[in-house]
Amino acid sequence: MAIVVRLDLMLARRKVRSNELARAIGVTPSNLSLLKSGHVKGVRFETLNAICAYLDCQPGDLLEHVPDTGEDRLRNTA
């Protein structure tokens, strides 16, 4: 995957538990867990905004683009 979610890292830096963040931004803990693990197809700007506001961070602190390797590209086109 080319987009890596760094939410765990930001939660640790801010000393915030996942359940606290989920409650504060109005999502279920299970949905937040899916986001943290990168097992979502997308994230609403409203949710991203709420996370950034609560954690006092920027979207780029939470999401990172990592280019696919050649092997990844071959696997994705097969």
C-alpha atoms as a PDB file:
ATOM      1  CA  MET A   1       0.000   0.000   0.000  1.00  0.00           C
ATOM      2  CA  ALA A   2       1.305   3.455  -0.869  1.00  0.00           C
ATOM      3  CA  ILE A   3      -0.369   5.332   2.012  1.00  0.00           C
ATOM      4  CA  VAL A   4       0.799   4.435   5.519  1.00  0.00           C
ATOM      5  CA  VAL A   5      -1.270   5.478   8.535  1.00  0.00           C
ATOM      6  CA  ARG A   6       0.868   6.807  11.412  1.00  0.00           C
ATOM      7  CA  LEU A   7      -1.996   7.362  13.861  1.00  0.00           C
ATOM      8  CA  ASP A   8      -0.486   4.965  16.432  1.00  0.00           C
ATOM      9  CA  LEU A   9       2.680   7.046  16.507  1.00  0.00           C
ATOM     10  CA  MET A  10       0.783  10.297  17.055  1.00  0.00           C
ATOM     11  CA  LEU A  11      -1.376   8.741  19.773  1.00  0.00           C
ATOM     12  CA  ALA A  12       1.776   7.607  21.578  1.00  0.00           C
ATOM     13  CA  ARG A  13       3.403  11.038  21.218  1.00  0.00           C
ATOM     14  CA  ARG A  14       0.325  12.739  22.642  1.00  0.00           C
ATOM     15  CA  LYS A  15      -0.187  10.041  25.310  1.00  0.00           C
ATOM     16  CA  VAL A  16      -3.783   9.543  24.185  1.00  0.00           C
ATOM     17  CA  ARG A  17      -5.544   6.176  24.219  1.00  0.00           C
ATOM     18  CA  SER A  18      -7.481   5.003  21.189  1.00  0.00           C
ATOM     19  CA  ASN A  19     -10.730   4.761  23.144  1.00  0.00           C
ATOM     20  CA  GLU A  20     -10.340   8.364  24.338  1.00  0.00           C
ATOM     21  CA  LEU A  21      -9.814   9.604  20.783  1.00  0.00           C
ATOM     22  CA  ALA A  22     -12.708   7.533  19.420  1.00  0.00           C
ATOM     23  CA  ARG A  23     -15.062   8.928  22.051  1.00  0.00           C
ATOM     24  CA  ALA A  24     -13.852  12.508  21.489  1.00  0.00           C
ATOM     25  CA  ILE A  25     -14.299  12.442  17.705  1.00  0.00           C
ATOM     26  CA  GLY A  26     -17.499  10.411  17.639  1.00  0.00           C
ATOM     27  CA  VAL A  27     -16.402   7.182  15.976  1.00  0.00           C
ATOM     28  CA  THR A  28     -16.542   3.646  17.281  1.00  0.00           C
ATOM     29  CA  PRO A  29     -13.364   2.142  18.715  1.00  0.00           C
ATOM     30  CA  SER A  30     -13.568  -0.607  16.089  1.00  0.00           C
ATOM     31  CA  ASN A  31     -13.699   1.924  13.238  1.00  0.00           C
ATOM     32  CA  LEU A  32     -10.751   3.811  14.717  1.00  0.00           C
ATOM     33  CA  SER A  33      -8.868   0.514  14.979  1.00  0.00           C
ATOM     34  CA  LEU A  34      -9.517  -0.172  11.298  1.00  0.00           C
ATOM     35  CA  LEU A  35      -8.186   3.275  10.429  1.00  0.00           C
ATOM     36  CA  LYS A  36      -5.097   2.810  12.610  1.00  0.00           C
ATOM     37  CA  SER A  37      -4.292  -0.475  10.908  1.00  0.00           C
ATOM     38  CA  GLY A  38      -4.794   0.970   7.421  1.00  0.00           C
ATOM     39  CA  HIS A  39      -7.669  -1.382   6.646  1.00  0.00           C
ATOM     40  CA  VAL A  40      -9.962   1.310   5.250  1.00  0.00           C
ATOM     41  CA  LYS A  41     -10.464   2.463   1.692  1.00  0.00           C
ATOM     42  CA  GLY A  42     -10.846   6.094   2.704  1.00  0.00           C
ATOM     43  CA  VAL A  43     -11.305   8.557   5.506  1.00  0.00           C
ATOM     44  CA  ARG A  44     -13.737  11.480   5.572  1.00  0.00           C
ATOM     45  CA  PHE A  45     -12.205  14.940   5.811  1.00  0.00           C
ATOM     46  CA  GLU A  46     -14.555  15.601   8.718  1.00  0.00           C
ATOM     47  CA  THR A  47     -13.030  12.668  10.617  1.00  0.00           C
ATOM     48  CA  LEU A  48      -9.477  13.642   9.673  1.00  0.00           C
ATOM     49  CA  ASN A  49     -10.180  17.202  10.801  1.00  0.00           C
ATOM     50  CA  ALA A  50     -11.539  15.988  14.158  1.00  0.00           C
ATOM     51  CA  ILE A  51      -8.487  13.768  14.720  1.00  0.00           C
ATOM     52  CA  CYS A  52      -6.085  16.589  13.868  1.00  0.00           C
ATOM     53  CA  ALA A  53      -7.935  19.050  16.094  1.00  0.00           C
ATOM     54  CA  TYR A  54      -7.956  16.671  19.067  1.00  0.00           C
ATOM     55  CA  LEU A  55      -4.321  15.600  18.669  1.00  0.00           C
ATOM     56  CA  ASP A  56      -3.113  19.082  17.645  1.00  0.00           C
ATOM     57  CA  CYS A  57      -1.400  17.797  14.532  1.00  0.00           C
ATOM     58  CA  GLN A  58      -1.456  18.058  10.744  1.00  0.00           C
ATOM     59  CA  PRO A  59      -2.814  15.438   8.294  1.00  0.00           C
ATOM     60  CA  GLY A  60       0.761  14.814   7.174  1.00  0.00           C
ATOM     61  CA  ASP A  61       1.606  13.738  10.721  1.00  0.00           C
ATOM     62  CA  LEU A  62      -0.945  10.931  10.377  1.00  0.00           C
ATOM     63  CA  LEU A  63      -0.592   9.862   6.747  1.00  0.00           C
ATOM     64  CA  GLU A  64       2.571   9.148   4.786  1.00  0.00           C
ATOM     65  CA  HIS A  65       2.998   8.297   1.122  1.00  0.00           C
ATOM     66  CA  VAL A  66       5.469   5.463   0.607  1.00  0.00           C
ATOM     67  CA  PRO A  67       6.118   4.709  -3.063  1.00  0.00           C
ATOM     68  CA  ASP A  68       5.423   1.135  -4.151  1.00  0.00           C
ATOM     69  CA  THR A  69       8.478  -0.941  -4.908  1.00  0.00           C
ATOM     70  CA  GLY A  70       8.775  -2.567  -8.307  1.00  0.00           C
ATOM     71  CA  GLU A  71       7.726  -5.886  -6.770  1.00  0.00           C
ATOM     72  CA  ASP A  72       4.582  -4.283  -5.322  1.00  0.00           C
ATOM     73  CA  ARG A  73       3.685  -2.821  -8.714  1.00  0.00           C
ATOM     74  CA  LEU A  74       4.027  -6.217 -10.395  1.00  0.00           C
ATOM     75  CA  ARG A  75       1.847  -7.865  -7.758  1.00  0.00           C
ATOM     76  CA  ASN A  76      -0.841  -5.166  -8.140  1.00  0.00           C
ATOM     77  CA  THR A  77      -1.053  -5.561 -11.912  1.00  0.00           C
ATOM     78  CA  ALA A  78      -1.217  -9.358 -11.972  1.00  0.00           C
END
